[in-house]
C-alpha cells in the first residue's frame, strides 16, 4: 500500500523581503518549490526543538 501524503493547509503569512529572497535562492538550489522548501525548513526546525 502506498503511503499517503500529509494533508496541506493553505495559510497566508507575511515575511520580510530579505528572508523571502534568501529562501527563494535556497529552494531553487534544492530544486524545490518555495512552499515546499519553507515546509521542510519549518519541519526540521520543529524536529530540532522537540529534541531539547
Protein backbone atom coordinates (compact mmCIF):
# COMPACT_ATOMS: atom_id res chain seq x y z
CA UNK A 1 0.00 0.00 0.00
CA UNK A 2 1.33 3.42 -0.97
CA UNK A 3 1.95 5.89 1.87
CA UNK A 4 -0.45 8.83 1.88
CA UNK A 5 0.93 12.34 1.64
CA UNK A 6 0.18 14.54 4.64
CA UNK A 7 -2.70 16.97 4.18
CA UNK A 8 -1.70 20.52 3.37
CA UNK A 9 -3.38 23.59 4.82
CA UNK A 10 -3.26 26.87 2.93
CA UNK A 11 -2.31 29.87 5.03
CA UNK A 12 -1.18 33.38 4.34
CA UNK A 13 1.90 34.79 6.06
CA UNK A 14 3.90 37.97 5.72
CA UNK A 15 7.66 37.59 5.67
CA UNK A 16 10.50 40.07 5.46
CA UNK A 17 11.57 40.66 1.87
CA UNK A 18 15.16 39.67 2.60
CA UNK A 19 14.07 36.35 4.10
CA UNK A 20 11.95 35.57 1.05
CA UNK A 21 14.85 36.37 -1.28
CA UNK A 22 17.16 34.02 0.61
CA UNK A 23 14.52 31.27 0.82
CA UNK A 24 13.86 31.50 -2.94
CA UNK A 25 17.57 31.03 -3.66
CA UNK A 26 17.85 28.09 -1.28
CA UNK A 27 14.67 26.49 -2.64
CA UNK A 28 15.97 26.78 -6.19
CA UNK A 29 19.33 25.29 -5.19
CA UNK A 30 17.42 22.38 -3.61
CA UNK A 31 15.19 22.06 -6.71
CA UNK A 32 12.01 22.65 -4.68
CA UNK A 33 9.05 24.98 -4.85
CA UNK A 34 9.28 27.82 -2.33
CA UNK A 35 6.28 26.49 -0.39
CA UNK A 36 7.79 23.01 -0.16
CA UNK A 37 11.13 24.42 0.94
CA UNK A 38 9.57 26.55 3.69
CA UNK A 39 7.63 23.47 4.86
CA UNK A 40 10.89 21.48 5.00
CA UNK A 41 12.70 24.22 6.93
CA UNK A 42 9.89 24.52 9.46
CA UNK A 43 9.61 20.73 9.85
CA UNK A 44 13.36 20.47 10.53
CA UNK A 45 13.22 23.38 12.97
CA UNK A 46 10.35 21.82 14.91
CA UNK A 47 12.06 18.42 14.96
CA UNK A 48 15.19 20.02 16.45
CA UNK A 49 13.15 21.88 19.08
CA UNK A 50 11.50 18.65 20.17
CA UNK A 51 14.93 17.20 20.92
CA UNK A 52 15.63 19.84 23.56
